[in-house]
Every structure is written in C-alpha cells, then in structure tokens.
Amino acid sequence: MAKLLLVDDDPSVLDALDLAFGDAGHLTERASDGRAALARLRAEPFDLVVSDVNMPHLDGYALCRRLREGGMALPILLLTGRDNEVDEALGLDLGADDYLTKPFSVRILVARVEALLRRDRLRADKERATAEVRAGHLAIDTDRLRATYRSVELTLTVTELRVLEAFAKNPGTVLGRARLLDIVRGDESVVGERLIDTYVKRLRRKLDEIEPGFDRIETVIGAGYKWRS
C-alpha cells in the first residue's frame, strides 16, 4: 500500500482516480492545483504524485521542476490533454518519471503507477544495501551511524564506529595504525597513532560482552590489526 497525492483541478477526475487507486489498495490525498500540492508535499511524506499538467496557479511542469529543485526524489507521473511529443519531452526533462495522455485507461494508469512504485522500492533497497557494511555477524549502517553484532546494537563513539567500519570493509586485511588513523582523522580526539590501540581495546571489550571470548580483531605484531574473516 502506498500513499499517493492526486493533483487536478477537475473534481470528477479526482473522484475517478480516488476510486481506481482505492480499489488497488492505495491511500490517496487530493490537491486542486500545483500550489496546493507543493504545500502538501512539503508538509507530509507521499510515495508518489499523479498530477495534471494544465492547472491554475502552478501547472504540472512547474510543480515537477519545484519538487526536483527542492531535492524530492519521489516518483511523478504527469497527465495531459495534449498529445504532443514536445510536451512529453519537456515533462520528462523536468524530472517526471512517466507521462500519460488524456483520455487514458484507468487500468493502464494504475499499472504505470504500480511499475513506478516497484522501481522506487528497488532503488531504495539498493541504496540501503549500499549504506550497509557487513562482515560475518557484524552489520554497520553507515547512514544512521549504527552498528550491531549478532543483532545486538552496539553503543559506540563516532571514532569507534569508524574503526569498526574500516575492519568490516577490509576483512582479512592488516590495517596499520597510521592507516586507521587516516580513516578516523575526522574526529579531533584522535591525536596519535597509539590511541588506535585504545579504541581497539574498547571495541574488543564491547564485542566480548555480546560474544564471550570474542577474537575477531586480531593483533598483528609490528603491523597493526585485522578482522579475521
């Protein structure tokens, strides 16, 4: 189920779209023009926008442009009464994801919207997967600065998280203190290579609380540390 914003200055069109998308299992909200739609989209989250092109105050093209300029990446499908190739190109160039000419089949519109929603979910899943680093039982969400080990969340400082992320991204690779220092240098509390030893000691202690006898972070004498894969 998705939350859709339907934008059109014709109430009868909105009624038909409400019914069609409701039957398809989606929630819908309405806006009578682009200006009202923009205000709604800035105030609350939606999964997709279906918008007419020809509307007063702010047309569909301008709405699309404003949303993209504002960084909103949700899918947009434009509806128009003009069967014109130039109009279609303009809409897509402004950031619309799809385009349908009136009169249209409601079944086709619903199918197009379902396709856009599937594509958007795949994109979001890919982005989440890219943001997650895994090494065995260790999982790090780099966007949320969150790490778990054996599904137990770890309480870490930013520097500890960066050290752990470096191990997770390079399993089996020996990481010297200087290299680890370069990775975490954004934290001003790190002032010398030997402080890396302190962070590793803290990480081992926290991981040992979850897995007694934890030994994944191995000391390589004279070289540094590595995460045993």
Protein backbone atom coordinates (compact mmCIF):
# COMPACT_ATOMS: atom_id res chain seq x y z
CA MET A 1 0.00 0.00 0.00
CA ALA A 2 1.33 3.41 -0.99
CA LYS A 3 0.27 6.95 -0.17
CA LEU A 4 -0.44 8.90 -3.35
CA LEU A 5 -1.08 12.60 -3.94
CA LEU A 6 -3.54 13.23 -6.77
CA VAL A 7 -3.37 16.70 -8.31
CA ASP A 8 -6.03 18.00 -10.71
CA ASP A 9 -8.36 21.00 -10.92
CA ASP A 10 -11.22 18.78 -12.16
CA PRO A 11 -13.08 17.16 -9.21
CA SER A 12 -14.59 14.48 -11.45
CA VAL A 13 -11.12 13.33 -12.49
CA LEU A 14 -10.03 13.22 -8.85
CA ASP A 15 -13.13 11.17 -7.99
CA ALA A 16 -12.27 8.62 -10.69
CA LEU A 17 -8.63 8.41 -9.61
CA ASP A 18 -9.63 8.09 -5.95
CA LEU A 19 -11.83 5.14 -6.77
CA ALA A 20 -9.28 3.41 -9.01
CA PHE A 21 -6.34 3.71 -6.64
CA GLY A 22 -8.50 2.89 -3.63
CA ASP A 23 -9.58 -0.35 -5.34
CA ALA A 24 -5.88 -1.07 -5.96
CA GLY A 25 -5.24 -0.82 -2.21
CA HIS A 26 -3.60 2.61 -2.01
CA LEU A 27 -4.27 5.63 0.18
CA THR A 28 -4.93 8.88 -1.68
CA GLU A 29 -4.96 12.57 -0.85
CA ARG A 30 -6.09 15.39 -3.16
CA ALA A 31 -4.83 18.78 -4.25
CA SER A 32 -6.71 21.07 -6.65
CA ASP A 33 -3.63 22.72 -8.20
CA GLY A 34 0.15 22.69 -8.15
CA ARG A 35 0.45 25.31 -5.44
CA ALA A 36 -1.72 23.32 -3.04
CA ALA A 37 0.17 20.14 -3.96
CA LEU A 38 3.52 21.74 -3.24
CA ALA A 39 2.33 22.79 0.22
CA ARG A 40 1.07 19.27 0.98
CA LEU A 41 4.28 17.65 -0.19
CA ARG A 42 6.38 19.95 1.95
CA ALA A 43 4.23 19.21 4.99
CA GLU A 44 3.94 15.40 4.85
CA PRO A 45 5.50 12.41 3.08
CA PHE A 46 3.99 10.77 0.00
CA ASP A 47 5.17 7.81 -2.07
CA LEU A 48 4.14 9.11 -5.50
CA VAL A 49 2.45 12.05 -7.25
CA VAL A 50 -0.07 11.84 -10.10
CA SER A 51 -0.51 15.36 -11.47
CA ASP A 52 -2.38 17.02 -14.29
CA VAL A 53 -0.27 19.37 -16.42
CA ASN A 54 -2.78 22.12 -17.16
CA MET A 55 -3.80 23.73 -13.85
CA PRO A 56 -4.17 27.26 -12.47
CA HIS A 57 -1.64 28.94 -10.16
CA LEU A 58 1.10 26.33 -10.66
CA ASP A 59 0.94 23.85 -13.53
CA GLY A 60 2.23 20.29 -13.54
CA TYR A 61 5.51 21.18 -15.22
CA ALA A 62 6.28 23.89 -12.67
CA LEU A 63 5.30 21.58 -9.81
CA CYS A 64 7.66 18.91 -11.13
CA ARG A 65 10.50 21.39 -11.51
CA ARG A 66 10.00 22.81 -7.98
CA LEU A 67 9.97 19.35 -6.43
CA ARG A 68 13.17 18.29 -8.16
CA GLU A 69 14.91 21.56 -7.36
CA GLY A 70 13.90 21.03 -3.74
CA GLY A 71 15.54 17.60 -3.69
CA MET A 72 12.35 15.50 -3.62
CA ALA A 73 13.01 12.23 -5.43
CA LEU A 74 9.56 10.61 -5.18
CA PRO A 75 8.10 9.32 -8.50
CA ILE A 76 5.96 11.75 -10.52
CA LEU A 77 3.50 10.78 -13.25
CA LEU A 78 2.09 13.65 -15.36
CA LEU A 79 -1.31 13.67 -17.07
CA THR A 80 -2.08 15.94 -20.03
CA GLY A 81 -4.85 16.53 -22.54
CA ARG A 82 -2.34 17.40 -25.26
CA ASP A 83 -0.95 14.58 -27.38
CA ASN A 84 2.25 16.35 -28.22
CA GLU A 85 5.77 14.93 -28.34
CA VAL A 86 7.27 18.26 -27.27
CA ASP A 87 5.10 18.29 -24.15
CA GLU A 88 6.21 14.78 -23.26
CA ALA A 89 9.90 15.61 -23.69
CA LEU A 90 9.50 18.76 -21.59
CA GLY A 91 7.80 16.87 -18.78
CA LEU A 92 10.45 14.17 -18.67
CA ASP A 93 13.29 16.69 -18.91
CA LEU A 94 11.90 18.45 -15.83
CA GLY A 95 12.16 15.24 -13.85
CA ALA A 96 8.85 13.45 -14.38
CA ASP A 97 9.11 9.65 -14.30
CA ASP A 98 6.22 8.89 -16.63
CA TYR A 99 3.61 10.59 -18.79
CA LEU A 100 0.08 9.69 -19.86
CA THR A 101 -2.20 11.47 -22.34
CA LYS A 102 -5.92 12.03 -21.71
CA PRO A 103 -8.21 10.28 -22.30
CA PHE A 104 -6.48 7.30 -20.73
CA SER A 105 -7.41 3.87 -19.48
CA VAL A 106 -7.61 3.83 -15.69
CA ARG A 107 -6.25 0.29 -15.73
CA ILE A 108 -3.18 1.46 -17.65
CA LEU A 109 -2.69 4.39 -15.27
CA VAL A 110 -2.83 2.10 -12.24
CA ALA A 111 -0.40 -0.32 -13.92
CA ARG A 112 2.03 2.52 -14.69
CA VAL A 113 1.86 3.74 -11.09
CA GLU A 114 2.47 0.22 -9.76
CA ALA A 115 5.53 -0.05 -12.02
CA LEU A 116 6.90 3.26 -10.75
CA LEU A 117 6.35 2.20 -7.13
CA ARG A 118 8.16 -1.10 -7.73
CA ARG A 119 11.08 0.69 -9.36
CA ASP A 120 11.28 3.17 -6.49
CA ARG A 121 11.26 0.36 -3.91
CA LEU A 122 14.10 -1.40 -5.75
CA ARG A 123 16.08 1.86 -5.82
CA ALA A 124 15.53 2.40 -2.10
CA ASP A 125 16.51 -1.22 -1.33
CA LYS A 126 19.69 -0.80 -3.36
CA GLU A 127 20.58 2.42 -1.55
CA ARG A 128 20.00 0.77 1.83
CA ALA A 129 22.15 -2.19 0.83
CA THR A 130 24.91 0.17 -0.31
CA ALA A 131 24.74 2.00 3.02
CA GLU A 132 25.17 -1.24 4.99
CA VAL A 133 28.54 -2.86 5.57
CA ARG A 134 28.65 -6.48 6.73
CA ALA A 135 31.38 -8.77 7.99
CA GLY A 136 30.09 -12.02 9.42
CA HIS A 137 27.82 -11.22 12.37
CA LEU A 138 28.78 -7.53 12.23
CA ALA A 139 26.45 -5.09 10.43
CA ILE A 140 27.06 -1.35 10.13
CA ASP A 141 24.52 1.15 8.84
CA THR A 142 26.75 3.98 7.65
CA ASP A 143 23.84 6.37 7.07
CA ARG A 144 22.45 6.03 10.59
CA LEU A 145 25.85 5.57 12.28
CA ARG A 146 24.56 2.36 13.84
CA ALA A 147 26.28 -0.99 14.32
CA THR A 148 25.04 -4.38 15.51
CA TYR A 149 26.84 -7.60 16.33
CA ARG A 150 24.79 -10.79 16.38
CA SER A 151 21.77 -8.48 16.03
CA VAL A 152 22.64 -6.69 19.29
CA GLU A 153 23.11 -2.94 18.91
CA LEU A 154 26.49 -1.57 19.97
CA THR A 155 26.91 1.69 21.85
CA LEU A 156 29.84 3.34 20.07
CA THR A 157 31.51 6.69 19.71
CA VAL A 158 31.87 8.00 16.16
CA THR A 159 35.57 7.12 16.18
CA GLU A 160 34.91 3.57 17.39
CA LEU A 161 32.32 3.17 14.64
CA ARG A 162 34.80 4.36 12.01
CA VAL A 163 37.46 1.92 13.22
CA LEU A 164 34.93 -0.92 13.18
CA GLU A 165 33.75 0.11 9.70
CA ALA A 166 37.35 0.01 8.46
CA PHE A 167 37.68 -3.57 9.72
CA ALA A 168 34.33 -4.59 8.21
CA LYS A 169 35.24 -3.16 4.80
CA ASN A 170 38.63 -4.88 4.80
CA PRO A 171 38.18 -8.33 6.37
CA GLY A 172 41.39 -10.30 6.49
CA THR A 173 43.47 -7.24 5.59
CA VAL A 174 46.09 -5.98 8.03
CA LEU A 175 45.43 -2.32 8.82
CA GLY A 176 48.31 -0.39 10.29
CA ARG A 177 47.81 2.22 12.98
CA ALA A 178 48.71 5.02 10.55
CA ARG A 179 46.10 3.85 8.05
CA LEU A 180 43.43 3.53 10.74
CA LEU A 181 44.35 7.00 11.95
CA ASP A 182 43.84 8.39 8.45
CA ILE A 183 40.40 6.75 8.28
CA VAL A 184 39.20 8.23 11.58
CA ARG A 185 41.06 11.55 11.43
CA GLY A 186 37.77 13.46 11.20
CA ASP A 187 37.44 13.02 14.96
CA GLU A 188 39.64 15.66 16.61
CA SER A 189 40.05 13.47 19.71
CA VAL A 190 42.48 11.30 17.73
CA VAL A 191 45.90 12.88 18.15
CA GLY A 192 48.34 9.98 17.93
CA GLU A 193 48.70 6.55 16.38
CA ARG A 194 48.81 4.73 19.73
CA LEU A 195 45.32 5.98 20.57
CA ILE A 196 44.14 3.50 17.95
CA ASP A 197 45.13 0.80 20.46
CA THR A 198 42.75 2.33 22.98
CA TYR A 199 39.86 2.30 20.51
CA VAL A 200 40.58 -1.30 19.54
CA LYS A 201 40.67 -2.28 23.22
CA ARG A 202 37.28 -0.64 23.78
CA LEU A 203 35.80 -2.36 20.74
CA ARG A 204 37.05 -5.75 21.88
CA ARG A 205 35.53 -5.21 25.33
CA LYS A 206 32.14 -4.19 23.92
CA LEU A 207 32.06 -7.08 21.45
CA ASP A 208 33.17 -9.53 24.16
CA GLU A 209 30.09 -8.53 26.19
CA ILE A 210 27.97 -9.86 23.34
CA GLU A 211 30.17 -12.83 22.39
CA PRO A 212 32.33 -14.03 25.31
CA GLY A 213 35.77 -14.92 24.06
CA PHE A 214 35.40 -12.61 21.05
CA ASP A 215 38.60 -12.83 18.97
CA ARG A 216 37.73 -11.43 15.53
CA ILE A 217 40.01 -8.39 15.90
CA GLU A 218 43.48 -9.87 15.70
CA THR A 219 46.71 -8.08 16.64
CA VAL A 220 49.43 -8.48 14.01
CA ILE A 221 52.63 -7.73 15.89
CA GLY A 222 54.63 -4.95 14.32
CA ALA A 223 51.98 -4.31 11.66
CA GLY A 224 48.61 -3.39 13.15
CA TYR A 225 45.24 -5.14 13.32
CA LYS A 226 42.97 -7.19 11.14
CA TRP A 227 39.42 -8.51 11.25
CA ARG A 228 39.55 -12.29 10.99
CA SER A 229 37.10 -13.35 8.27
